[in-house]
N, C-alpha and C. Protein backbone atom coordinates (compact mmCIF):
# COMPACT_ATOMS: atom_id res chain seq x y z
N MET A 1 16.25 8.00 14.14
CA MET A 1 15.18 7.83 13.18
C MET A 1 15.75 7.21 11.91
N LYS A 2 15.37 5.97 11.69
CA LYS A 2 15.98 5.16 10.65
C LYS A 2 15.47 5.46 9.24
N LEU A 3 14.38 6.21 9.12
CA LEU A 3 13.84 6.54 7.80
C LEU A 3 13.84 8.04 7.54
N GLN A 4 14.67 8.76 8.27
CA GLN A 4 14.74 10.21 8.13
C GLN A 4 15.02 10.58 6.68
N GLY A 5 14.19 11.47 6.13
CA GLY A 5 14.37 11.95 4.77
C GLY A 5 13.81 11.05 3.69
N LYS A 6 13.29 9.89 4.05
CA LYS A 6 12.72 8.98 3.06
C LYS A 6 11.29 9.40 2.73
N LYS A 7 10.96 9.34 1.46
CA LYS A 7 9.63 9.71 0.97
C LYS A 7 8.88 8.45 0.57
N ILE A 8 7.74 8.23 1.20
CA ILE A 8 7.00 6.99 1.02
C ILE A 8 5.56 7.26 0.63
N ILE A 9 5.12 6.58 -0.42
CA ILE A 9 3.70 6.57 -0.76
C ILE A 9 3.11 5.37 -0.04
N LEU A 10 2.08 5.60 0.74
CA LEU A 10 1.36 4.53 1.42
C LEU A 10 0.01 4.38 0.74
N GLY A 11 -0.11 3.35 -0.10
CA GLY A 11 -1.35 3.08 -0.82
C GLY A 11 -2.22 2.13 -0.02
N ILE A 12 -3.46 2.52 0.21
CA ILE A 12 -4.38 1.72 1.01
C ILE A 12 -5.58 1.34 0.16
N SER A 13 -5.86 0.03 0.11
CA SER A 13 -7.05 -0.43 -0.62
C SER A 13 -8.08 -0.95 0.37
N GLY A 14 -9.25 -1.31 -0.14
CA GLY A 14 -10.41 -1.62 0.69
C GLY A 14 -10.42 -3.00 1.30
N SER A 15 -9.90 -3.12 2.49
CA SER A 15 -9.85 -4.38 3.22
C SER A 15 -10.01 -4.09 4.70
N ILE A 16 -10.53 -5.04 5.43
CA ILE A 16 -10.61 -4.89 6.88
C ILE A 16 -9.21 -4.68 7.47
N ALA A 17 -8.19 -5.17 6.79
CA ALA A 17 -6.81 -4.99 7.26
C ALA A 17 -6.32 -3.56 7.11
N ALA A 18 -7.13 -2.67 6.54
CA ALA A 18 -6.72 -1.27 6.39
C ALA A 18 -6.40 -0.63 7.74
N PHE A 19 -6.99 -1.13 8.82
CA PHE A 19 -6.67 -0.55 10.13
C PHE A 19 -5.18 -0.72 10.45
N LYS A 20 -4.57 -1.78 9.91
CA LYS A 20 -3.13 -1.98 10.14
C LYS A 20 -2.30 -0.91 9.44
N ALA A 21 -2.82 -0.36 8.34
CA ALA A 21 -2.11 0.71 7.63
C ALA A 21 -2.00 1.95 8.50
N VAL A 22 -2.99 2.17 9.36
CA VAL A 22 -2.95 3.31 10.28
C VAL A 22 -1.77 3.14 11.24
N PHE A 23 -1.60 1.94 11.78
CA PHE A 23 -0.48 1.67 12.69
C PHE A 23 0.85 1.77 11.95
N LEU A 24 0.89 1.26 10.72
CA LEU A 24 2.12 1.35 9.93
C LEU A 24 2.47 2.81 9.65
N LEU A 25 1.48 3.62 9.33
CA LEU A 25 1.70 5.04 9.09
C LEU A 25 2.36 5.68 10.32
N ARG A 26 1.83 5.40 11.50
CA ARG A 26 2.43 5.95 12.73
C ARG A 26 3.87 5.51 12.89
N LEU A 27 4.15 4.25 12.62
CA LEU A 27 5.52 3.74 12.75
C LEU A 27 6.46 4.40 11.75
N LEU A 28 6.01 4.56 10.51
CA LEU A 28 6.83 5.20 9.48
C LEU A 28 7.15 6.65 9.87
N LYS A 29 6.15 7.36 10.34
CA LYS A 29 6.36 8.76 10.76
C LYS A 29 7.30 8.84 11.96
N LYS A 30 7.15 7.92 12.90
CA LYS A 30 8.00 7.89 14.10
C LYS A 30 9.47 7.70 13.72
N GLU A 31 9.71 6.97 12.62
CA GLU A 31 11.07 6.73 12.14
C GLU A 31 11.57 7.84 11.22
N GLY A 32 10.77 8.91 11.05
CA GLY A 32 11.22 10.08 10.30
C GLY A 32 10.83 10.15 8.85
N ALA A 33 10.04 9.20 8.36
CA ALA A 33 9.64 9.19 6.95
C ALA A 33 8.60 10.28 6.67
N GLU A 34 8.66 10.80 5.47
CA GLU A 34 7.59 11.67 4.96
C GLU A 34 6.65 10.75 4.18
N VAL A 35 5.38 10.73 4.57
CA VAL A 35 4.44 9.76 4.01
C VAL A 35 3.28 10.48 3.35
N GLN A 36 3.02 10.11 2.10
CA GLN A 36 1.84 10.58 1.39
C GLN A 36 0.89 9.40 1.23
N VAL A 37 -0.30 9.53 1.80
CA VAL A 37 -1.29 8.47 1.70
C VAL A 37 -2.11 8.65 0.43
N VAL A 38 -2.27 7.54 -0.29
CA VAL A 38 -3.15 7.46 -1.45
C VAL A 38 -4.09 6.30 -1.15
N ILE A 39 -5.39 6.57 -1.17
CA ILE A 39 -6.37 5.56 -0.77
C ILE A 39 -7.43 5.37 -1.84
N THR A 40 -7.88 4.14 -2.01
CA THR A 40 -8.95 3.87 -2.97
C THR A 40 -10.28 4.32 -2.38
N PRO A 41 -11.28 4.52 -3.23
CA PRO A 41 -12.61 4.87 -2.71
C PRO A 41 -13.13 3.85 -1.69
N VAL A 42 -12.93 2.56 -1.95
CA VAL A 42 -13.39 1.55 -1.01
C VAL A 42 -12.55 1.56 0.26
N GLY A 43 -11.28 1.90 0.14
CA GLY A 43 -10.42 2.00 1.32
C GLY A 43 -10.97 3.00 2.33
N LYS A 44 -11.61 4.07 1.83
CA LYS A 44 -12.18 5.09 2.73
C LYS A 44 -13.36 4.56 3.53
N GLU A 45 -13.91 3.41 3.14
CA GLU A 45 -14.98 2.79 3.90
C GLU A 45 -14.44 2.11 5.16
N PHE A 46 -13.14 1.85 5.18
CA PHE A 46 -12.51 1.14 6.30
C PHE A 46 -11.73 2.06 7.23
N VAL A 47 -11.04 3.06 6.70
CA VAL A 47 -10.32 4.06 7.50
C VAL A 47 -10.58 5.42 6.88
N THR A 48 -10.71 6.42 7.73
CA THR A 48 -11.08 7.74 7.21
C THR A 48 -9.88 8.58 6.80
N PRO A 49 -10.04 9.38 5.78
CA PRO A 49 -8.99 10.31 5.40
C PRO A 49 -8.61 11.27 6.53
N VAL A 50 -9.57 11.62 7.40
CA VAL A 50 -9.26 12.52 8.52
C VAL A 50 -8.21 11.89 9.43
N THR A 51 -8.38 10.64 9.77
CA THR A 51 -7.41 9.93 10.62
C THR A 51 -6.05 9.88 9.93
N LEU A 52 -6.04 9.50 8.68
CA LEU A 52 -4.79 9.36 7.93
C LEU A 52 -4.09 10.70 7.74
N SER A 53 -4.85 11.74 7.49
CA SER A 53 -4.28 13.08 7.32
C SER A 53 -3.68 13.59 8.63
N ALA A 54 -4.39 13.35 9.72
CA ALA A 54 -3.89 13.79 11.02
C ALA A 54 -2.56 13.11 11.34
N LEU A 55 -2.44 11.85 11.02
CA LEU A 55 -1.21 11.11 11.32
C LEU A 55 -0.08 11.41 10.35
N SER A 56 -0.41 11.64 9.08
CA SER A 56 0.64 11.89 8.09
C SER A 56 1.05 13.35 8.03
N GLY A 57 0.16 14.24 8.45
CA GLY A 57 0.44 15.67 8.33
C GLY A 57 0.24 16.19 6.92
N LYS A 58 -0.41 15.40 6.07
CA LYS A 58 -0.65 15.78 4.67
C LYS A 58 -2.09 15.44 4.30
N PRO A 59 -2.67 16.18 3.38
CA PRO A 59 -3.99 15.78 2.87
C PRO A 59 -3.89 14.41 2.20
N VAL A 60 -4.90 13.60 2.38
CA VAL A 60 -4.95 12.27 1.78
C VAL A 60 -5.45 12.40 0.35
N ILE A 61 -4.82 11.66 -0.55
CA ILE A 61 -5.22 11.68 -1.95
C ILE A 61 -6.09 10.46 -2.23
N SER A 62 -7.31 10.73 -2.70
CA SER A 62 -8.21 9.62 -3.02
C SER A 62 -8.89 9.78 -4.38
N GLU A 63 -8.77 10.93 -4.96
CA GLU A 63 -9.39 11.20 -6.26
C GLU A 63 -8.36 11.90 -7.14
N PHE A 64 -8.63 11.92 -8.43
CA PHE A 64 -7.72 12.58 -9.36
C PHE A 64 -7.75 14.10 -9.21
N PHE A 65 -8.93 14.64 -8.87
CA PHE A 65 -9.05 16.08 -8.71
C PHE A 65 -10.20 16.37 -7.76
N HIS A 66 -10.20 17.60 -7.21
CA HIS A 66 -11.29 18.05 -6.35
C HIS A 66 -12.39 18.65 -7.22
N ALA A 67 -13.60 18.15 -7.08
CA ALA A 67 -14.70 18.62 -7.91
C ALA A 67 -14.96 20.11 -7.74
N GLN A 68 -14.84 20.62 -6.50
CA GLN A 68 -15.15 22.03 -6.25
C GLN A 68 -14.07 22.96 -6.81
N SER A 69 -12.81 22.66 -6.57
CA SER A 69 -11.75 23.58 -6.96
C SER A 69 -11.06 23.22 -8.27
N GLY A 70 -11.21 21.99 -8.69
CA GLY A 70 -10.51 21.55 -9.90
C GLY A 70 -9.05 21.23 -9.65
N GLU A 71 -8.60 21.31 -8.38
CA GLU A 71 -7.20 21.00 -8.04
C GLU A 71 -6.89 19.57 -8.47
N TRP A 72 -5.78 19.41 -9.17
CA TRP A 72 -5.39 18.13 -9.75
C TRP A 72 -4.32 17.46 -8.90
N HIS A 73 -4.44 16.16 -8.69
CA HIS A 73 -3.39 15.38 -8.03
C HIS A 73 -2.64 14.61 -9.11
N SER A 74 -1.41 14.95 -9.28
CA SER A 74 -0.62 14.32 -10.35
C SER A 74 -0.02 13.01 -9.88
N HIS A 75 -0.54 11.91 -10.39
CA HIS A 75 0.02 10.60 -10.08
C HIS A 75 1.45 10.49 -10.61
N VAL A 76 1.75 11.19 -11.69
CA VAL A 76 3.09 11.16 -12.25
C VAL A 76 4.08 11.83 -11.29
N ASP A 77 3.72 13.00 -10.78
CA ASP A 77 4.58 13.67 -9.80
C ASP A 77 4.81 12.81 -8.57
N LEU A 78 3.75 12.16 -8.09
CA LEU A 78 3.88 11.28 -6.93
C LEU A 78 4.84 10.14 -7.23
N GLY A 79 4.70 9.54 -8.39
CA GLY A 79 5.55 8.42 -8.77
C GLY A 79 7.02 8.78 -8.87
N ILE A 80 7.30 10.03 -9.20
CA ILE A 80 8.68 10.51 -9.29
C ILE A 80 9.20 10.90 -7.90
N TRP A 81 8.33 11.45 -7.06
CA TRP A 81 8.68 11.97 -5.73
C TRP A 81 9.17 10.89 -4.77
N ALA A 82 8.58 9.71 -4.80
CA ALA A 82 8.76 8.71 -3.75
C ALA A 82 10.06 7.91 -3.86
N ASP A 83 10.58 7.54 -2.69
CA ASP A 83 11.69 6.59 -2.60
C ASP A 83 11.18 5.16 -2.66
N ILE A 84 10.01 4.91 -2.08
CA ILE A 84 9.34 3.62 -2.18
C ILE A 84 7.83 3.85 -2.15
N MET A 85 7.13 2.83 -2.63
CA MET A 85 5.67 2.82 -2.54
C MET A 85 5.28 1.54 -1.82
N LEU A 86 4.36 1.67 -0.87
CA LEU A 86 3.82 0.52 -0.16
C LEU A 86 2.34 0.41 -0.50
N VAL A 87 1.88 -0.77 -0.85
CA VAL A 87 0.45 -0.99 -1.04
C VAL A 87 0.02 -1.93 0.08
N VAL A 88 -0.63 -1.33 1.08
CA VAL A 88 -0.89 -2.00 2.36
C VAL A 88 -2.27 -1.59 2.86
N PRO A 89 -3.25 -2.44 2.89
CA PRO A 89 -3.28 -3.80 2.40
C PRO A 89 -3.55 -3.82 0.89
N ALA A 90 -3.13 -4.90 0.28
CA ALA A 90 -3.39 -5.10 -1.14
C ALA A 90 -4.43 -6.21 -1.28
N THR A 91 -5.62 -5.84 -1.70
CA THR A 91 -6.70 -6.81 -1.89
C THR A 91 -6.48 -7.57 -3.20
N ALA A 92 -7.23 -8.65 -3.37
CA ALA A 92 -7.17 -9.40 -4.63
C ALA A 92 -7.54 -8.48 -5.79
N ASN A 93 -8.51 -7.60 -5.58
CA ASN A 93 -8.93 -6.65 -6.61
C ASN A 93 -7.80 -5.71 -6.99
N THR A 94 -7.15 -5.13 -6.00
CA THR A 94 -6.06 -4.20 -6.26
C THR A 94 -4.88 -4.91 -6.91
N ILE A 95 -4.54 -6.08 -6.42
CA ILE A 95 -3.45 -6.86 -7.02
C ILE A 95 -3.77 -7.16 -8.48
N GLY A 96 -5.02 -7.56 -8.77
CA GLY A 96 -5.42 -7.83 -10.14
C GLY A 96 -5.30 -6.61 -11.03
N LYS A 97 -5.70 -5.47 -10.51
CA LYS A 97 -5.59 -4.23 -11.28
C LYS A 97 -4.13 -3.85 -11.51
N MET A 98 -3.29 -4.01 -10.49
CA MET A 98 -1.87 -3.70 -10.62
C MET A 98 -1.23 -4.61 -11.66
N ALA A 99 -1.53 -5.90 -11.59
CA ALA A 99 -0.90 -6.88 -12.49
C ALA A 99 -1.33 -6.70 -13.94
N ASN A 100 -2.52 -6.15 -14.14
CA ASN A 100 -3.08 -6.06 -15.49
C ASN A 100 -3.25 -4.64 -16.00
N GLY A 101 -2.74 -3.66 -15.26
CA GLY A 101 -2.76 -2.27 -15.72
C GLY A 101 -4.13 -1.65 -15.78
N ILE A 102 -5.05 -2.07 -14.94
CA ILE A 102 -6.40 -1.49 -14.93
C ILE A 102 -6.37 -0.27 -14.03
N SER A 103 -6.19 0.87 -14.63
CA SER A 103 -5.93 2.10 -13.87
C SER A 103 -7.20 2.93 -13.70
N ASP A 104 -8.14 2.41 -12.92
CA ASP A 104 -9.41 3.11 -12.73
C ASP A 104 -9.49 3.88 -11.41
N ASN A 105 -8.37 3.98 -10.68
CA ASN A 105 -8.33 4.82 -9.48
C ASN A 105 -6.93 5.40 -9.34
N ILE A 106 -6.80 6.37 -8.47
CA ILE A 106 -5.51 7.07 -8.36
C ILE A 106 -4.42 6.20 -7.76
N LEU A 107 -4.79 5.22 -6.96
CA LEU A 107 -3.76 4.32 -6.42
C LEU A 107 -3.09 3.53 -7.55
N ILE A 108 -3.88 3.00 -8.47
CA ILE A 108 -3.31 2.21 -9.56
C ILE A 108 -2.55 3.10 -10.54
N THR A 109 -3.06 4.28 -10.86
CA THR A 109 -2.32 5.16 -11.78
C THR A 109 -1.01 5.60 -11.14
N THR A 110 -1.01 5.81 -9.82
CA THR A 110 0.23 6.16 -9.14
C THR A 110 1.21 4.99 -9.21
N TYR A 111 0.71 3.78 -8.97
CA TYR A 111 1.56 2.59 -9.08
C TYR A 111 2.17 2.49 -10.48
N LEU A 112 1.37 2.68 -11.51
CA LEU A 112 1.87 2.56 -12.87
C LEU A 112 2.87 3.66 -13.23
N SER A 113 2.84 4.77 -12.48
CA SER A 113 3.77 5.87 -12.71
C SER A 113 4.99 5.82 -11.81
N ALA A 114 5.00 4.92 -10.84
CA ALA A 114 6.07 4.89 -9.84
C ALA A 114 7.42 4.55 -10.46
N LYS A 115 8.41 5.33 -10.11
CA LYS A 115 9.78 5.10 -10.55
C LYS A 115 10.61 4.46 -9.44
N CYS A 116 9.95 4.10 -8.36
CA CYS A 116 10.62 3.59 -7.17
C CYS A 116 10.24 2.13 -6.93
N PRO A 117 10.95 1.46 -6.03
CA PRO A 117 10.54 0.10 -5.65
C PRO A 117 9.14 0.11 -5.02
N VAL A 118 8.38 -0.95 -5.29
CA VAL A 118 7.02 -1.08 -4.79
C VAL A 118 6.92 -2.35 -3.94
N PHE A 119 6.43 -2.17 -2.73
CA PHE A 119 6.17 -3.27 -1.81
C PHE A 119 4.67 -3.51 -1.77
N VAL A 120 4.27 -4.78 -1.81
CA VAL A 120 2.86 -5.14 -1.85
C VAL A 120 2.59 -6.13 -0.71
N ALA A 121 1.62 -5.78 0.16
CA ALA A 121 1.26 -6.63 1.29
C ALA A 121 -0.15 -7.16 1.10
N PRO A 122 -0.29 -8.36 0.51
CA PRO A 122 -1.61 -8.93 0.29
C PRO A 122 -2.37 -9.16 1.60
N ALA A 123 -3.69 -8.99 1.52
CA ALA A 123 -4.58 -9.26 2.65
C ALA A 123 -5.91 -9.70 2.08
N MET A 124 -6.29 -10.94 2.36
CA MET A 124 -7.56 -11.47 1.85
C MET A 124 -7.82 -12.81 2.50
N ASP A 125 -8.98 -13.35 2.26
CA ASP A 125 -9.31 -14.66 2.79
C ASP A 125 -8.45 -15.72 2.11
N LEU A 126 -8.26 -16.85 2.80
CA LEU A 126 -7.33 -17.87 2.31
C LEU A 126 -7.70 -18.42 0.95
N ASP A 127 -8.98 -18.62 0.67
CA ASP A 127 -9.37 -19.15 -0.65
C ASP A 127 -9.09 -18.14 -1.75
N MET A 128 -9.29 -16.87 -1.47
CA MET A 128 -8.98 -15.83 -2.45
C MET A 128 -7.48 -15.78 -2.70
N PHE A 129 -6.70 -15.86 -1.62
CA PHE A 129 -5.25 -15.81 -1.76
C PHE A 129 -4.73 -17.00 -2.57
N LEU A 130 -5.29 -18.18 -2.31
CA LEU A 130 -4.81 -19.39 -2.98
C LEU A 130 -5.39 -19.59 -4.38
N HIS A 131 -6.38 -18.81 -4.76
CA HIS A 131 -7.00 -18.97 -6.07
C HIS A 131 -5.93 -18.81 -7.16
N PRO A 132 -5.97 -19.64 -8.18
CA PRO A 132 -4.96 -19.56 -9.24
C PRO A 132 -4.81 -18.18 -9.88
N VAL A 133 -5.90 -17.46 -10.05
CA VAL A 133 -5.78 -16.14 -10.69
C VAL A 133 -5.05 -15.16 -9.76
N THR A 134 -5.30 -15.23 -8.47
CA THR A 134 -4.58 -14.37 -7.52
C THR A 134 -3.11 -14.73 -7.51
N GLN A 135 -2.82 -16.03 -7.49
CA GLN A 135 -1.42 -16.46 -7.50
C GLN A 135 -0.72 -16.04 -8.79
N ARG A 136 -1.43 -16.11 -9.92
CA ARG A 136 -0.86 -15.65 -11.18
C ARG A 136 -0.57 -14.15 -11.12
N ASN A 137 -1.51 -13.37 -10.57
CA ASN A 137 -1.31 -11.93 -10.48
C ASN A 137 -0.14 -11.58 -9.57
N ILE A 138 0.00 -12.30 -8.46
CA ILE A 138 1.15 -12.07 -7.57
C ILE A 138 2.44 -12.43 -8.30
N PHE A 139 2.43 -13.54 -9.03
CA PHE A 139 3.59 -13.92 -9.83
C PHE A 139 3.95 -12.82 -10.83
N LEU A 140 2.94 -12.26 -11.49
CA LEU A 140 3.19 -11.16 -12.43
C LEU A 140 3.80 -9.96 -11.73
N LEU A 141 3.25 -9.60 -10.58
CA LEU A 141 3.80 -8.46 -9.84
C LEU A 141 5.27 -8.70 -9.48
N LYS A 142 5.58 -9.92 -9.03
CA LYS A 142 6.98 -10.26 -8.73
C LYS A 142 7.84 -10.14 -9.98
N SER A 143 7.32 -10.62 -11.11
CA SER A 143 8.10 -10.58 -12.35
C SER A 143 8.35 -9.16 -12.82
N PHE A 144 7.51 -8.23 -12.40
CA PHE A 144 7.70 -6.81 -12.72
C PHE A 144 8.70 -6.15 -11.77
N GLY A 145 9.16 -6.88 -10.76
CA GLY A 145 10.11 -6.33 -9.81
C GLY A 145 9.52 -5.86 -8.49
N ASN A 146 8.22 -6.03 -8.32
CA ASN A 146 7.60 -5.66 -7.05
C ASN A 146 8.06 -6.61 -5.95
N ILE A 147 8.09 -6.11 -4.74
CA ILE A 147 8.49 -6.90 -3.58
C ILE A 147 7.21 -7.29 -2.84
N ILE A 148 6.93 -8.59 -2.78
CA ILE A 148 5.72 -9.08 -2.14
C ILE A 148 6.03 -9.40 -0.67
N LEU A 149 5.25 -8.81 0.21
CA LEU A 149 5.36 -9.08 1.65
C LEU A 149 4.30 -10.13 1.96
N ASP A 150 4.71 -11.39 1.89
CA ASP A 150 3.77 -12.50 1.99
C ASP A 150 2.86 -12.38 3.21
N PRO A 151 1.58 -12.72 3.02
CA PRO A 151 0.68 -12.75 4.17
C PRO A 151 1.06 -13.91 5.09
N VAL A 152 0.57 -13.84 6.30
CA VAL A 152 0.88 -14.87 7.29
C VAL A 152 -0.37 -15.70 7.56
N GLU A 153 -0.16 -16.80 8.25
CA GLU A 153 -1.28 -17.65 8.64
C GLU A 153 -1.86 -17.16 9.95
N GLY A 154 -3.15 -17.37 10.13
CA GLY A 154 -3.81 -16.99 11.36
C GLY A 154 -5.30 -16.89 11.16
N LYS A 155 -5.95 -16.35 12.17
CA LYS A 155 -7.41 -16.16 12.10
C LYS A 155 -7.70 -15.00 11.16
N LEU A 156 -8.65 -15.23 10.25
CA LEU A 156 -9.02 -14.24 9.25
C LEU A 156 -10.34 -13.59 9.61
N ALA A 157 -10.65 -12.48 9.00
CA ALA A 157 -11.89 -11.75 9.29
C ALA A 157 -13.12 -12.61 9.06
N SER A 158 -13.02 -13.58 8.15
CA SER A 158 -14.15 -14.47 7.85
C SER A 158 -14.41 -15.46 8.98
N GLY A 159 -13.46 -15.57 9.89
CA GLY A 159 -13.57 -16.56 10.95
C GLY A 159 -12.77 -17.82 10.64
N LEU A 160 -12.33 -17.95 9.38
CA LEU A 160 -11.51 -19.09 8.99
C LEU A 160 -10.08 -18.89 9.46
N GLU A 161 -9.32 -19.95 9.44
CA GLU A 161 -7.90 -19.91 9.77
C GLU A 161 -7.10 -20.28 8.53
N GLY A 162 -6.02 -19.56 8.28
CA GLY A 162 -5.17 -19.90 7.15
C GLY A 162 -4.33 -18.72 6.71
N LYS A 163 -3.67 -18.89 5.57
CA LYS A 163 -2.79 -17.86 5.03
C LYS A 163 -3.62 -16.79 4.32
N GLY A 164 -3.37 -15.56 4.67
CA GLY A 164 -4.10 -14.45 4.07
C GLY A 164 -4.06 -13.19 4.92
N ARG A 165 -3.65 -13.35 6.19
CA ARG A 165 -3.53 -12.18 7.09
C ARG A 165 -2.37 -11.30 6.62
N MET A 166 -2.63 -10.02 6.53
CA MET A 166 -1.56 -9.10 6.17
C MET A 166 -0.47 -9.15 7.23
N GLU A 167 0.76 -9.06 6.78
CA GLU A 167 1.90 -8.98 7.69
C GLU A 167 1.68 -7.86 8.69
N GLU A 168 2.16 -8.03 9.91
CA GLU A 168 1.98 -7.02 10.95
C GLU A 168 2.80 -5.77 10.65
N PRO A 169 2.29 -4.59 11.03
CA PRO A 169 2.98 -3.33 10.73
C PRO A 169 4.43 -3.28 11.21
N ASP A 170 4.72 -3.79 12.40
CA ASP A 170 6.10 -3.73 12.89
C ASP A 170 7.04 -4.58 12.03
N GLN A 171 6.54 -5.68 11.48
CA GLN A 171 7.34 -6.52 10.60
C GLN A 171 7.55 -5.86 9.23
N ILE A 172 6.51 -5.17 8.75
CA ILE A 172 6.65 -4.43 7.49
C ILE A 172 7.67 -3.31 7.67
N LEU A 173 7.59 -2.59 8.78
CA LEU A 173 8.55 -1.52 9.06
C LEU A 173 9.97 -2.08 9.06
N LYS A 174 10.17 -3.20 9.72
CA LYS A 174 11.50 -3.81 9.77
C LYS A 174 12.00 -4.12 8.36
N LYS A 175 11.14 -4.65 7.51
CA LYS A 175 11.54 -4.99 6.14
C LYS A 175 11.89 -3.74 5.34
N ILE A 176 11.17 -2.65 5.59
CA ILE A 176 11.45 -1.39 4.89
C ILE A 176 12.79 -0.83 5.35
N ILE A 177 13.03 -0.83 6.65
CA ILE A 177 14.31 -0.36 7.19
C ILE A 177 15.45 -1.21 6.65
N ASP A 178 15.28 -2.54 6.66
CA ASP A 178 16.30 -3.44 6.12
C ASP A 178 16.56 -3.14 4.64
N PHE A 179 15.51 -2.87 3.88
CA PHE A 179 15.66 -2.56 2.45
C PHE A 179 16.55 -1.32 2.26
N PHE A 180 16.28 -0.26 3.02
CA PHE A 180 17.08 0.95 2.88
C PHE A 180 18.51 0.73 3.37
N ASN A 181 18.68 -0.06 4.42
CA ASN A 181 20.02 -0.36 4.90
C ASN A 181 20.83 -1.14 3.87
N GLU A 182 20.18 -2.09 3.18
CA GLU A 182 20.86 -2.86 2.14
C GLU A 182 21.26 -1.98 0.96
N LYS A 183 20.42 -0.98 0.66
CA LYS A 183 20.73 -0.07 -0.46
C LYS A 183 21.97 0.77 -0.17
N LYS A 184 22.22 1.06 1.11
CA LYS A 184 23.39 1.85 1.50
C LYS A 184 24.68 1.08 1.26
N ASN A 185 24.61 -0.24 1.46
CA ASN A 185 25.82 -1.08 1.39
C ASN A 185 26.20 -1.45 -0.01
C-alpha cells in the first residue's frame, strides 16, 4: 500500500466529472490513505454523501456545522491535519473562488486554511477552460504553489470534443504516489 498513513482531503465540486472522484476515492483507500471528503453543496447534486461516506469510512463534510446539533466542522483543523489536498473535479467556479479567496463554502475555507500541498484537477467544457479568466485563475493558482493536474482532450459532457476532461483517476493516483515518492528522496 503506497499511501499507507497518508492523510488526504478530497474536495469535490459540482461537475458531471464528480463520478470520477468516487473512483479516485476507492483507489486512494485501496493504497492505504486516510481520506476525508469535503464536498460543495452543488457537488452533492452529482454524487451523494452516503456513497462517499461508505467508501471513505468517514462522515462527509459539506457544511460548516450541523443545524440540529450545532456540531462544528473546523476547516482550520482539516487544513492542518492533511498531508495533501485534492480538488477533484475543480470547476471554473471553484477555481475562480480558490484563486480569488471567495470563501463561501467549506471546501474553499478548507483550501484557504490548508498547510499542505494542493492538487487541482480542472473539469469543464473546452470554451470555459480556454476562457481568459479561467486561464488567469489557473495561472494564479499555480503562482500560489498549487499543482494543476491538466485536463485532457476528449469527448466532453456537452457532446463537444476538446480539452477539458478531468484527468482519469488512475493517472491522478499515479501522480499522487509519485509526489510522495519524490518527497522521500
